[in-house]
Amino acid sequence: MGQWLAASGMHDLVQDERLERLRNHCATDVGARVQLLRVAAARKKGSSTGFLKTLLADTDERVVRMAAREFIRRRPADYENSLLQLMTGAGDTVRRVVGRAIGQAGFDHFWNRFDRMDKPTRRQAGKAMMKLLPDAIARLTRRLTGGPIEQRLKAMQMAQELGLSEALREPLLALVGHPNPKVRSKAVVLVGGLASVKPEVLLERALEDVDGRVRSNAIEVLEEQKATQFLPVLLQRARSAHNRERANAIKALHRMKLGTVGPELLAMLRDNRPEHRVSAMWLLNEIGWWRLIGEVGRLARADTNLRVRRYALGVLKELSAAMKSSAAGAPAPPPTAPGKGQCDER
């Protein structure tokens, strides 16, 4: 009967409606439904795909897989959306067929929109993409291991926000030794957060890196992991010539409660290098060491560097606003100075 319908010359939509009636009559006969699918697949390309679309909801995985292949071959206008909807409840073999067909397009769509979405939205979209595309990890790995620097940095940011660092452990470990310092510094942050990587394996090399950004990020990893065995290193770096590395080392000592940091912070506020004074004020704001606020007032009034004076004024204004808010009975937000004070990129 199905073959007769295909040869009858009826309009495609009429054929689809009659084929669907036949499919309902053979709901328990998988072989008959496969024959009807073959009848629909034998029609000319450009014919209606309505019947094929109904077969995508068939109860038999083999029928769905065959219908999906034919649907992909014909590529109707809405085929990507239809296949993405199919992926949510399809069997493994169907998911593989669909993933191969629309995987690259789906991944590229997310990749291109990533920078234009806010963090909550792209995290939600990324997790959905990971569920729908079985080879998404492999595609992201290729972005990490090849291409321009900006692509690798973006791939690491994506891995960090989507919680994929553990799955990408090996390529990330390789990037710790990348020639570009921006790549190395970002890789240190991601690898440092992996429970499967001991801090000694990563940090002994990162702490001796020629680039200050890499060393600074390594110190932040020490702080997060509370790696007290590196106390001698932190004490040494608390007097570093690199402002961000120095500030991060003092912050780590304070957060890990490894002695008082007042003398080191005071020395940094009085350093003759402007970038060190700015980073010291950033640090003071981070740890709330307000007993040295008088030094910030001195910098705001009399420092010879315009940037230092402006930064100090910003700290004082934010602290004043927080104190007024507290006096009025509202919860006092912690003061936040303008800018990070840490001049170097991560």
Protein backbone atom coordinates (compact mmCIF):
# COMPACT_ATOMS: atom_id res chain seq x y z
CA MET A 1 0.00 0.00 0.00
CA GLY A 2 2.84 2.42 0.83
CA GLN A 3 4.54 1.79 -2.51
CA TRP A 4 1.25 2.36 -4.32
CA LEU A 5 0.88 5.73 -2.51
CA ALA A 6 4.38 6.75 -3.58
CA ALA A 7 3.65 5.89 -7.20
CA SER A 8 0.16 7.41 -7.24
CA GLY A 9 1.22 10.96 -8.01
CA MET A 10 -0.61 12.34 -4.98
CA HIS A 11 0.64 15.57 -3.43
CA ASP A 12 3.44 15.05 -0.88
CA LEU A 13 1.34 16.30 2.02
CA VAL A 14 -1.49 13.90 1.14
CA GLN A 15 1.03 11.06 0.91
CA ASP A 16 2.42 11.99 4.32
CA GLU A 17 -1.05 11.90 5.85
CA ARG A 18 -1.85 8.47 4.29
CA LEU A 19 1.58 7.05 5.26
CA GLU A 20 0.99 8.16 8.84
CA ARG A 21 -2.35 6.30 8.87
CA LEU A 22 -0.58 3.16 7.67
CA ARG A 23 2.11 3.60 10.36
CA ASN A 24 -0.58 3.74 13.04
CA HIS A 25 -2.04 0.47 11.74
CA CYS A 26 1.32 -1.29 12.14
CA ALA A 27 2.23 0.08 15.54
CA THR A 28 3.40 -3.37 16.66
CA ASP A 29 5.23 -4.32 13.44
CA VAL A 30 8.70 -2.75 13.31
CA GLY A 31 9.46 -4.33 9.93
CA ALA A 32 6.39 -2.73 8.36
CA ARG A 33 7.34 0.69 9.75
CA VAL A 34 10.82 0.30 8.30
CA GLN A 35 9.27 -0.45 4.90
CA LEU A 36 7.15 2.70 5.12
CA LEU A 37 10.27 4.69 6.01
CA ARG A 38 12.00 3.33 2.90
CA VAL A 39 9.04 4.36 0.79
CA ALA A 40 9.35 7.93 2.11
CA ALA A 41 13.12 7.89 1.63
CA ALA A 42 12.75 6.86 -2.01
CA ARG A 43 10.90 10.07 -2.88
CA LYS A 44 12.77 12.82 -4.68
CA LYS A 45 14.94 15.18 -2.68
CA GLY A 46 12.91 18.28 -1.95
CA SER A 47 9.78 16.29 -1.21
CA SER A 48 7.93 16.81 2.06
CA THR A 49 9.72 15.51 5.16
CA GLY A 50 6.63 15.57 7.38
CA PHE A 51 6.37 11.77 7.58
CA LEU A 52 10.09 11.44 8.32
CA LYS A 53 9.68 13.95 11.14
CA THR A 54 6.93 11.86 12.73
CA LEU A 55 9.21 8.81 12.57
CA LEU A 56 11.75 10.66 14.72
CA ALA A 57 9.36 10.00 17.62
CA ASP A 58 9.02 6.27 16.87
CA THR A 59 9.27 3.82 19.76
CA ASP A 60 11.98 1.74 18.04
CA GLU A 61 15.55 3.13 18.12
CA ARG A 62 16.44 1.54 14.77
CA VAL A 63 13.54 3.29 13.04
CA VAL A 64 14.47 6.62 14.67
CA ARG A 65 18.10 6.22 13.65
CA MET A 66 17.21 5.49 10.02
CA ALA A 67 14.72 8.36 9.93
CA ALA A 68 17.30 10.72 11.43
CA ARG A 69 19.85 9.79 8.76
CA GLU A 70 17.36 10.44 5.98
CA PHE A 71 16.19 13.65 7.66
CA ILE A 72 19.81 14.83 7.82
CA ARG A 73 20.41 13.87 4.19
CA ARG A 74 17.45 15.95 3.04
CA ARG A 75 18.24 18.91 5.36
CA PRO A 76 14.85 20.64 5.54
CA ALA A 77 14.74 24.22 6.77
CA ASP A 78 14.21 23.38 10.44
CA TYR A 79 16.27 20.21 10.61
CA GLU A 80 18.78 21.47 13.21
CA ASN A 81 16.09 22.47 15.72
CA SER A 82 14.22 19.23 15.19
CA LEU A 83 17.36 17.18 15.74
CA LEU A 84 18.38 19.15 18.83
CA GLN A 85 14.96 18.41 20.35
CA LEU A 86 15.42 14.76 19.45
CA MET A 87 18.78 14.63 21.29
CA THR A 88 17.21 15.21 24.71
CA GLY A 89 15.57 11.79 24.91
CA ALA A 90 17.15 9.75 22.12
CA GLY A 91 19.16 6.55 22.48
CA ASP A 92 22.94 6.47 22.23
CA THR A 93 23.09 5.37 18.59
CA VAL A 94 20.70 8.15 17.55
CA ARG A 95 22.67 10.73 19.56
CA ARG A 96 25.85 9.71 17.76
CA VAL A 97 24.21 10.10 14.35
CA VAL A 98 22.79 13.51 15.23
CA GLY A 99 25.98 14.62 16.98
CA ARG A 100 28.05 13.96 13.87
CA ALA A 101 25.58 15.89 11.75
CA ILE A 102 25.09 19.03 13.79
CA GLY A 103 27.93 18.86 16.29
CA GLN A 104 30.24 21.28 14.53
CA ALA A 105 27.46 23.76 13.82
CA GLY A 106 26.18 23.57 17.40
CA PHE A 107 29.63 23.95 18.92
CA ASP A 108 30.58 26.81 16.60
CA HIS A 109 27.32 28.59 17.42
CA PHE A 110 28.07 28.44 21.16
CA TRP A 111 31.73 29.35 20.62
CA ASN A 112 30.89 32.44 18.55
CA ARG A 113 28.24 33.69 21.00
CA PHE A 114 30.26 32.94 24.16
CA ASP A 115 31.77 36.42 24.56
CA ARG A 116 28.42 38.14 23.98
CA MET A 117 26.55 36.29 26.72
CA ASP A 118 26.63 37.08 30.43
CA LYS A 119 28.19 34.43 32.66
CA PRO A 120 25.00 32.78 33.99
CA THR A 121 23.55 32.52 30.47
CA ARG A 122 26.65 31.09 28.87
CA ARG A 123 27.10 28.64 31.74
CA GLN A 124 23.55 27.38 31.22
CA ALA A 125 23.94 27.28 27.43
CA GLY A 126 27.31 25.56 27.72
CA LYS A 127 25.99 22.81 29.96
CA ALA A 128 23.13 22.22 27.53
CA MET A 129 25.61 22.07 24.66
CA MET A 130 27.73 19.52 26.54
CA LYS A 131 24.68 17.27 27.02
CA LEU A 132 23.60 17.49 23.42
CA LEU A 133 26.98 17.09 21.72
CA PRO A 134 28.79 13.87 22.69
CA ASP A 135 32.12 15.07 21.26
CA ALA A 136 32.07 18.58 22.73
CA ILE A 137 35.08 17.78 24.97
CA ALA A 138 37.08 16.64 21.95
CA ARG A 139 36.18 19.82 20.05
CA LEU A 140 37.22 21.99 22.99
CA THR A 141 40.46 20.03 23.30
CA ARG A 142 41.31 20.89 19.70
CA ARG A 143 40.80 24.59 20.49
CA LEU A 144 43.15 24.26 23.46
CA THR A 145 45.91 22.49 21.58
CA GLY A 146 45.98 24.46 18.35
CA GLY A 147 45.29 27.83 16.80
CA PRO A 148 46.04 31.41 17.91
CA ILE A 149 46.71 32.50 21.50
CA GLU A 150 43.32 34.21 21.86
CA GLN A 151 41.58 30.94 20.94
CA ARG A 152 43.46 29.00 23.61
CA LEU A 153 42.70 31.63 26.25
CA LYS A 154 39.02 31.58 25.32
CA ALA A 155 38.95 27.78 25.44
CA MET A 156 40.48 27.85 28.94
CA GLN A 157 37.92 30.41 30.09
CA MET A 158 35.17 28.20 28.71
CA ALA A 159 36.61 25.13 30.46
CA GLN A 160 36.81 27.05 33.74
CA GLU A 161 33.24 28.37 33.65
CA LEU A 162 31.73 25.04 32.58
CA GLY A 163 33.67 23.03 35.17
CA LEU A 164 35.53 20.99 32.54
CA SER A 165 39.08 21.41 33.84
CA GLU A 166 39.33 17.85 35.16
CA ALA A 167 38.14 16.41 31.84
CA LEU A 168 40.76 18.53 30.06
CA ARG A 169 43.54 17.79 32.54
CA GLU A 170 46.19 16.60 30.06
CA PRO A 171 45.97 19.48 27.53
CA LEU A 172 45.86 21.99 30.40
CA LEU A 173 48.98 20.49 31.97
CA ALA A 174 50.72 20.84 28.62
CA LEU A 175 49.75 24.53 28.45
CA VAL A 176 51.53 25.23 31.75
CA GLY A 177 54.72 25.07 29.69
CA HIS A 178 53.43 27.09 26.72
CA PRO A 179 55.82 29.77 25.36
CA ASN A 180 53.22 32.54 25.81
CA PRO A 181 53.04 33.89 29.41
CA LYS A 182 49.31 34.71 29.18
CA VAL A 183 48.57 31.10 28.32
CA ARG A 184 50.86 29.80 31.06
CA SER A 185 49.36 32.06 33.73
CA LYS A 186 45.78 31.04 32.87
CA ALA A 187 46.73 27.36 32.73
CA VAL A 188 48.33 27.60 36.18
CA VAL A 189 45.02 28.83 37.65
CA LEU A 190 43.00 26.01 36.09
CA VAL A 191 45.46 23.21 36.84
CA GLY A 192 45.98 24.53 40.36
CA GLY A 193 42.32 23.90 41.10
CA LEU A 194 42.45 20.21 40.15
CA ALA A 195 42.32 17.79 43.06
CA SER A 196 44.18 15.22 40.96
CA VAL A 197 47.28 17.45 40.64
CA LYS A 198 49.50 17.87 43.71
CA PRO A 199 50.63 21.48 44.25
CA GLU A 200 54.28 20.46 44.29
CA VAL A 201 54.02 19.08 40.74
CA LEU A 202 52.77 22.38 39.35
CA LEU A 203 54.06 25.11 41.59
CA GLU A 204 57.76 24.41 41.86
CA ARG A 205 58.05 25.24 38.17
CA ALA A 206 55.41 27.99 38.10
CA LEU A 207 56.91 29.82 41.06
CA GLU A 208 60.20 30.12 39.20
CA ASP A 209 58.63 31.28 35.94
CA VAL A 210 60.27 34.25 34.23
CA ASP A 211 56.92 36.05 33.96
CA GLY A 212 55.47 37.79 37.02
CA ARG A 213 51.87 37.00 36.06
CA VAL A 214 52.55 33.28 36.15
CA ARG A 215 54.25 33.53 39.54
CA SER A 216 51.40 35.68 40.89
CA ASN A 217 48.77 33.18 39.82
CA ALA A 218 50.81 30.34 41.30
CA ILE A 219 50.79 32.16 44.65
CA GLU A 220 47.00 32.50 44.44
CA VAL A 221 46.82 28.74 43.94
CA LEU A 222 48.92 28.28 47.09
CA GLU A 223 46.47 30.48 48.97
CA GLU A 224 43.44 28.52 47.74
CA GLN A 225 45.03 25.18 48.60
CA LYS A 226 46.42 26.45 51.93
CA ALA A 227 49.79 24.95 51.00
CA THR A 228 51.66 25.89 54.17
CA GLN A 229 54.70 23.88 53.09
CA PHE A 230 55.52 26.78 50.79
CA LEU A 231 55.82 29.25 53.69
CA PRO A 232 59.52 30.06 53.00
CA VAL A 233 58.64 30.86 49.38
CA LEU A 234 55.77 33.15 50.40
CA LEU A 235 57.98 35.01 52.87
CA GLN A 236 60.55 35.52 50.14
CA ARG A 237 57.98 36.68 47.57
CA ALA A 238 56.47 39.13 50.09
CA ARG A 239 59.49 41.28 49.17
CA SER A 240 59.38 40.61 45.42
CA ALA A 241 60.24 43.29 42.88
CA HIS A 242 57.02 42.44 41.02
CA ASN A 243 54.10 44.35 42.57
CA ARG A 244 51.34 41.82 41.96
CA GLU A 245 53.44 38.87 43.05
CA ARG A 246 54.39 40.75 46.22
CA ALA A 247 50.79 41.71 47.03
CA ASN A 248 49.51 38.17 46.42
CA ALA A 249 52.21 36.69 48.68
CA ILE A 250 51.29 39.05 51.54
CA LYS A 251 47.58 38.27 51.01
CA ALA A 252 48.30 34.52 51.09
CA LEU A 253 50.27 34.89 54.35
CA HIS A 254 47.36 36.81 55.87
CA ARG A 255 44.63 34.42 54.71
CA MET A 256 46.63 31.37 55.80
CA LYS A 257 47.29 33.05 59.20
CA LEU A 258 51.03 32.61 58.90
CA GLY A 259 52.02 35.61 61.01
CA THR A 260 51.25 39.31 60.93
CA VAL A 261 51.43 41.12 57.60
CA GLY A 262 51.38 44.68 58.99
CA PRO A 263 55.11 45.40 58.51
CA GLU A 264 55.15 44.00 54.97
CA LEU A 265 52.03 45.97 53.99
CA LEU A 266 53.38 49.17 55.52
CA ALA A 267 56.67 48.75 53.67
CA MET A 268 54.76 48.27 50.43
CA LEU A 269 52.64 51.39 51.02
CA ARG A 270 55.85 53.36 51.50
CA ASP A 271 57.69 51.81 48.54
CA ASN A 272 59.25 54.29 46.13
CA ARG A 273 57.69 52.49 43.14
CA PRO A 274 54.18 53.80 42.31
CA GLU A 275 52.85 50.44 41.09
CA HIS A 276 53.78 48.88 44.44
CA ARG A 277 51.92 51.59 46.37
CA VAL A 278 48.82 51.07 44.22
CA SER A 279 48.93 47.29 44.69
CA ALA A 280 49.42 47.81 48.44
CA MET A 281 46.18 49.81 48.58
CA TRP A 282 44.42 47.10 46.58
CA LEU A 283 45.72 44.59 49.13
CA LEU A 284 44.68 46.73 52.10
CA ASN A 285 41.17 46.84 50.62
CA GLU A 286 41.16 43.08 49.98
CA ILE A 287 42.10 42.02 53.52
CA GLY A 288 40.51 44.97 55.38
CA TRP A 289 43.68 46.03 57.16
CA TRP A 290 42.19 49.44 57.97
CA ARG A 291 44.60 50.24 60.81
CA LEU A 292 46.85 51.58 58.04
CA ILE A 293 44.18 53.86 56.60
CA GLY A 294 46.26 56.85 57.75
CA GLU A 295 48.90 55.86 55.22
CA VAL A 296 46.24 55.89 52.49
CA GLY A 297 45.26 59.41 53.56
CA ARG A 298 48.90 60.50 53.33
CA LEU A 299 49.14 59.07 49.80
CA ALA A 300 45.91 60.85 48.79
CA ARG A 301 47.25 64.19 50.00
CA ALA A 302 50.92 64.20 49.18
CA ASP A 303 51.98 61.43 46.84
CA THR A 304 53.99 62.67 43.86
CA ASN A 305 52.27 60.26 41.45
CA LEU A 306 48.84 61.30 40.12
CA ARG A 307 47.61 57.73 39.67
CA VAL A 308 48.52 56.84 43.26
CA ARG A 309 46.69 59.93 44.60
CA ARG A 310 43.57 59.12 42.57
CA TYR A 311 43.56 55.51 43.68
CA ALA A 312 44.00 56.54 47.33
CA LEU A 313 41.09 59.00 47.05
CA GLY A 314 38.93 56.24 45.61
CA VAL A 315 39.74 53.99 48.57
CA LEU A 316 38.87 56.73 51.04
CA LYS A 317 35.59 57.57 49.30
CA GLU A 318 34.49 53.95 49.21
CA LEU A 319 35.38 53.46 52.87
CA SER A 320 33.51 56.65 53.84
CA ALA A 321 30.41 55.51 51.94
CA ALA A 322 30.56 52.10 53.64
CA MET A 323 30.84 53.70 57.10
CA LYS A 324 27.87 56.00 56.44
CA SER A 325 25.80 53.08 55.25
CA SER A 326 26.69 51.17 58.41
CA ALA A 327 25.81 54.13 60.62
CA ALA A 328 22.41 54.41 58.93
CA GLY A 329 21.64 50.81 59.90
CA ALA A 330 22.02 49.23 56.47
CA PRO A 331 24.46 46.36 55.98
CA ALA A 332 27.80 47.89 55.10
CA PRO A 333 29.24 46.47 51.89
CA PRO A 334 33.02 46.05 51.92
CA PRO A 335 34.72 49.05 50.33
CA THR A 336 35.86 48.47 46.80
CA ALA A 337 38.52 50.69 45.36
CA PRO A 338 38.27 51.70 41.69
CA GLY A 339 40.20 49.28 39.57
CA LYS A 340 41.89 46.13 40.76
CA GLY A 341 45.23 47.73 41.59
CA GLN A 342 46.83 44.65 40.21
CA CYS A 343 48.09 46.06 36.98
CA ASP A 344 49.03 42.90 35.15
CA GLU A 345 46.64 40.81 33.09
CA ARG A 346 45.90 37.32 34.26
